[in-house]
C-alpha atoms as a PDB file:
ATOM      1  CA  THR A   1       0.000   0.000   0.000  1.00  0.00           C
ATOM      2  CA  ALA A   2       0.977   3.646  -0.280  1.00  0.00           C
ATOM      3  CA  LEU A   3       1.126   3.788   3.505  1.00  0.00           C
ATOM      4  CA  GLU A   4       3.602   0.919   3.650  1.00  0.00           C
ATOM      5  CA  ALA A   5       5.709   2.608   0.941  1.00  0.00           C
ATOM      6  CA  ARG A   6       5.763   5.995   2.699  1.00  0.00           C
ATOM      7  CA  PHE A   7       9.444   5.714   3.657  1.00  0.00           C
ATOM      8  CA  SER A   8      10.357   5.590  -0.040  1.00  0.00           C
ATOM      9  CA  THR A   9       8.605   8.960  -0.441  1.00  0.00           C
ATOM     10  CA  HIS A  10      10.320  10.581   2.552  1.00  0.00           C
ATOM     11  CA  ALA A  11      12.627   9.104   5.197  1.00  0.00           C
ATOM     12  CA  SER A  12      10.387  10.413   8.007  1.00  0.00           C
ATOM     13  CA  GLY A  13       7.445   8.281   6.893  1.00  0.00           C
ATOM     14  CA  GLN A  14       5.242  11.375   7.248  1.00  0.00           C
ATOM     15  CA  VAL A  15       4.467  11.785   3.528  1.00  0.00           C
ATOM     16  CA  VAL A  16       2.389   9.398   1.408  1.00  0.00           C
ATOM     17  CA  THR A  17       2.191   9.444  -2.396  1.00  0.00           C
ATOM     18  CA  LEU A  18      -0.999   8.171  -4.018  1.00  0.00           C
ATOM     19  CA  ALA A  19      -0.553   6.758  -7.504  1.00  0.00           C
ATOM     20  CA  ALA A  20      -4.260   6.760  -8.321  1.00  0.00           C
ATOM     21  CA  GLY A  21      -4.822  10.515  -8.158  1.00  0.00           C
ATOM     22  CA  SER A  22      -7.292  12.361  -5.996  1.00  0.00           C
ATOM     23  CA  VAL A  23      -9.282   9.423  -4.665  1.00  0.00           C
ATOM     24  CA  PRO A  24     -11.062   9.626  -1.293  1.00  0.00           C
ATOM     25  CA  TRP A  25      -8.302   8.720   1.147  1.00  0.00           C
ATOM     26  CA  ARG A  26      -8.936  10.174   4.617  1.00  0.00           C
ATOM     27  CA  GLY A  27     -11.121   7.459   6.136  1.00  0.00           C
ATOM     28  CA  HIS A  28      -8.941   4.728   4.666  1.00  0.00           C
ATOM     29  CA  LEU A  29      -5.767   6.386   6.003  1.00  0.00           C
ATOM     30  CA  TYR A  30      -7.196   6.711   9.527  1.00  0.00           C
ATOM     31  CA  GLU A  31      -8.282   3.064   9.481  1.00  0.00           C
ATOM     32  CA  LEU A  32      -4.880   1.847   8.241  1.00  0.00           C
ATOM     33  CA  GLU A  33      -3.063   3.952  10.832  1.00  0.00           C
ATOM     34  CA  ARG A  34      -5.128   2.311  13.579  1.00  0.00           C
ATOM     35  CA  THR A  35      -4.524  -1.173  12.120  1.00  0.00           C
ATOM     36  CA  MET A  36      -0.767  -0.522  11.811  1.00  0.00           C
ATOM     37  CA  CYS A  37      -0.576   1.152  15.268  1.00  0.00           C
ATOM     38  CA  LEU A  38       0.670   4.433  13.803  1.00  0.00           C
ATOM     39  CA  ASP A  39       0.032   7.457  15.974  1.00  0.00           C
ATOM     40  CA  HIS A  40      -1.071  10.126  13.489  1.00  0.00           C
ATOM     41  CA  GLU A  41       2.281   9.756  11.738  1.00  0.00           C
ATOM     42  CA  VAL A  42       1.307  10.849   8.227  1.00  0.00           C
ATOM     43  CA  LYS A  43       1.195  14.631   7.824  1.00  0.00           C
ATOM     44  CA  PHE A  44       0.860  15.074   4.035  1.00  0.00           C
ATOM     45  CA  VAL A  45      -0.590  13.204   1.070  1.00  0.00           C
ATOM     46  CA  LEU A  46       0.704  13.835  -2.475  1.00  0.00           C
ATOM     47  CA  TYR A  47      -1.406  13.090  -5.567  1.00  0.00           C
ATOM     48  CA  THR A  48      -2.333  14.420  -9.001  1.00  0.00           C
ATOM     49  CA  ASP A  49      -5.597  16.195  -9.732  1.00  0.00           C
ATOM     50  CA  GLN A  50      -7.755  15.704 -12.851  1.00  0.00           C
ATOM     51  CA  GLU A  51      -5.609  18.132 -14.865  1.00  0.00           C
ATOM     52  CA  GLY A  52      -2.356  16.423 -13.858  1.00  0.00           C
ATOM     53  CA  MET A  53      -1.158  19.052 -11.361  1.00  0.00           C
ATOM     54  CA  TRP A  54       0.595  17.585  -8.337  1.00  0.00           C
ATOM     55  CA  ARG A  55      -1.146  18.405  -5.071  1.00  0.00           C
ATOM     56  CA  ILE A  56       0.036  18.351  -1.483  1.00  0.00           C
ATOM     57  CA  GLN A  57      -2.722  18.053   1.090  1.00  0.00           C
ATOM     58  CA  ALA A  58      -2.320  18.253   4.837  1.00  0.00           C
ATOM     59  CA  VAL A  59      -3.912  15.372   6.736  1.00  0.00           C
ATOM     60  CA  PRO A  60      -6.675  16.658   8.996  1.00  0.00           C
ATOM     61  CA  ILE A  61      -7.039  15.484  12.568  1.00  0.00           C
ATOM     62  CA  GLU A  62      -9.668  12.762  12.550  1.00  0.00           C
ATOM     63  CA  GLY A  63     -13.061  14.175  13.476  1.00  0.00           C
ATOM     64  CA  ARG A  64     -11.793  17.750  13.065  1.00  0.00           C
ATOM     65  CA  PRO A  65     -11.819  18.324   9.282  1.00  0.00           C
ATOM     66  CA  PHE A  66     -10.626  21.945   9.501  1.00  0.00           C
ATOM     67  CA  THR A  67      -7.666  21.281  11.822  1.00  0.00           C
ATOM     68  CA  ASN A  68      -4.577  19.765  10.232  1.00  0.00           C
ATOM     69  CA  ARG A  69      -1.954  17.602  11.853  1.00  0.00           C
ATOM     70  CA  LEU A  70       0.570  19.961  10.254  1.00  0.00           C
ATOM     71  CA  PRO A  71      -0.426  22.735   7.838  1.00  0.00           C
ATOM     72  CA  LEU A  72       1.723  24.071   5.046  1.00  0.00           C
ATOM     73  CA  PRO A  73       3.958  26.993   6.169  1.00  0.00           C
ATOM     74  CA  THR A  74       1.911  30.084   7.023  1.00  0.00           C
ATOM     75  CA  SER A  75       4.189  32.301   4.904  1.00  0.00           C
ATOM     76  CA  TRP A  76       2.845  30.424   1.844  1.00  0.00           C
ATOM     77  CA  TRP A  77      -0.866  30.761   2.647  1.00  0.00           C
ATOM     78  CA  GLY A  78      -2.866  32.476  -0.095  1.00  0.00           C
ATOM     79  CA  LEU A  79       0.077  32.854  -2.473  1.00  0.00           C
ATOM     80  CA  ARG A  80       0.092  31.843  -6.145  1.00  0.00           C
ATOM     81  CA  ASP A  81       2.567  31.257  -8.939  1.00  0.00           C
ATOM     82  CA  GLU A  82       5.673  33.469  -8.953  1.00  0.00           C
ATOM     83  CA  ALA A  83       4.920  35.065  -5.572  1.00  0.00           C
ATOM     84  CA  LEU A  84       4.793  31.578  -4.025  1.00  0.00           C
ATOM     85  CA  VAL A  85       7.908  30.443  -5.898  1.00  0.00           C
ATOM     86  CA  GLN A  86       9.786  33.450  -4.505  1.00  0.00           C
ATOM     87  CA  VAL A  87       8.673  32.924  -0.899  1.00  0.00           C
ATOM     88  CA  ALA A  88       8.994  29.127  -0.879  1.00  0.00           C
ATOM     89  CA  GLY A  89      12.142  28.982  -2.992  1.00  0.00           C
ATOM     90  CA  ILE A  90      10.705  25.968  -4.833  1.00  0.00           C
ATOM     91  CA  PRO A  91      10.284  26.010  -8.631  1.00  0.00           C
ATOM     92  CA  GLY A  92       6.904  25.201 -10.158  1.00  0.00           C
ATOM     93  CA  CYS A  93       4.708  26.200  -7.216  1.00  0.00           C
ATOM     94  CA  CYS A  94       1.172  27.052  -8.366  1.00  0.00           C
ATOM     95  CA  PHE A  95      -0.778  27.872  -5.208  1.00  0.00           C
ATOM     96  CA  VAL A  96      -1.354  27.335  -1.515  1.00  0.00           C
ATOM     97  CA  HIS A  97      -4.888  27.764  -0.179  1.00  0.00           C
ATOM     98  CA  ALA A  98      -5.500  30.692   2.190  1.00  0.00           C
ATOM     99  CA  ASN A  99      -5.979  28.212   5.063  1.00  0.00           C
ATOM    100  CA  GLY A 100      -2.800  26.244   4.305  1.00  0.00           C
ATOM    101  CA  PHE A 101      -4.400  22.814   3.915  1.00  0.00           C
ATOM    102  CA  ILE A 102      -3.623  22.233   0.224  1.00  0.00           C
ATOM    103  CA  GLY A 103      -1.167  23.388  -2.408  1.00  0.00           C
ATOM    104  CA  GLY A 104      -0.050  22.577  -5.918  1.00  0.00           C
ATOM    105  CA  ASN A 105       3.074  22.274  -8.012  1.00  0.00           C
ATOM    106  CA  ARG A 106       3.715  21.479 -11.670  1.00  0.00           C
ATOM    107  CA  SER A 107       5.955  18.499 -10.836  1.00  0.00           C
ATOM    108  CA  TYR A 108       6.284  15.625  -8.402  1.00  0.00           C
ATOM    109  CA  ASP A 109       9.760  16.814  -7.395  1.00  0.00           C
ATOM    110  CA  GLY A 110       8.316  20.249  -6.678  1.00  0.00           C
ATOM    111  CA  VAL A 111       5.440  18.997  -4.555  1.00  0.00           C
ATOM    112  CA  LEU A 112       7.811  16.673  -2.679  1.00  0.00           C
ATOM    113  CA  ALA A 113      10.075  19.671  -2.001  1.00  0.00           C
ATOM    114  CA  MET A 114       7.026  21.485  -0.608  1.00  0.00           C
ATOM    115  CA  ALA A 115       6.385  18.545   1.721  1.00  0.00           C
ATOM    116  CA  LYS A 116      10.013  18.402   2.857  1.00  0.00           C
ATOM    117  CA  ARG A 117      10.085  22.135   3.591  1.00  0.00           C
ATOM    118  CA  SER A 118       6.789  21.874   5.472  1.00  0.00           C
ATOM    119  CA  LEU A 119       8.254  19.184   7.741  1.00  0.00           C
ATOM    120  CA  GLU A 120      11.237  21.343   8.753  1.00  0.00           C
END
């Protein structure tokens, strides 16, 4: 599963990459974490949207859909395109939502760099 392969995405095990795109994943992730005795370890999920843009989404705290385990950096919130690239220092950034729960990048390497920076 993507959860089992999380260490190949990032050494911390806190980032999961979904190969199937933007499928419903929250309930399944929470259930797998309980089964695998993981204590809210995963912070971000990476996937592609319908247009092929890579997305990074913060994992919400179970039962609290508007509170994330770890949001994207606040300095990125509400920024788009070149303004976000300048602040984040990561090429290809497209956006970060004003509440910091989701962002996008043109490439997998770019969205993974966003995840790595967010974990610092």
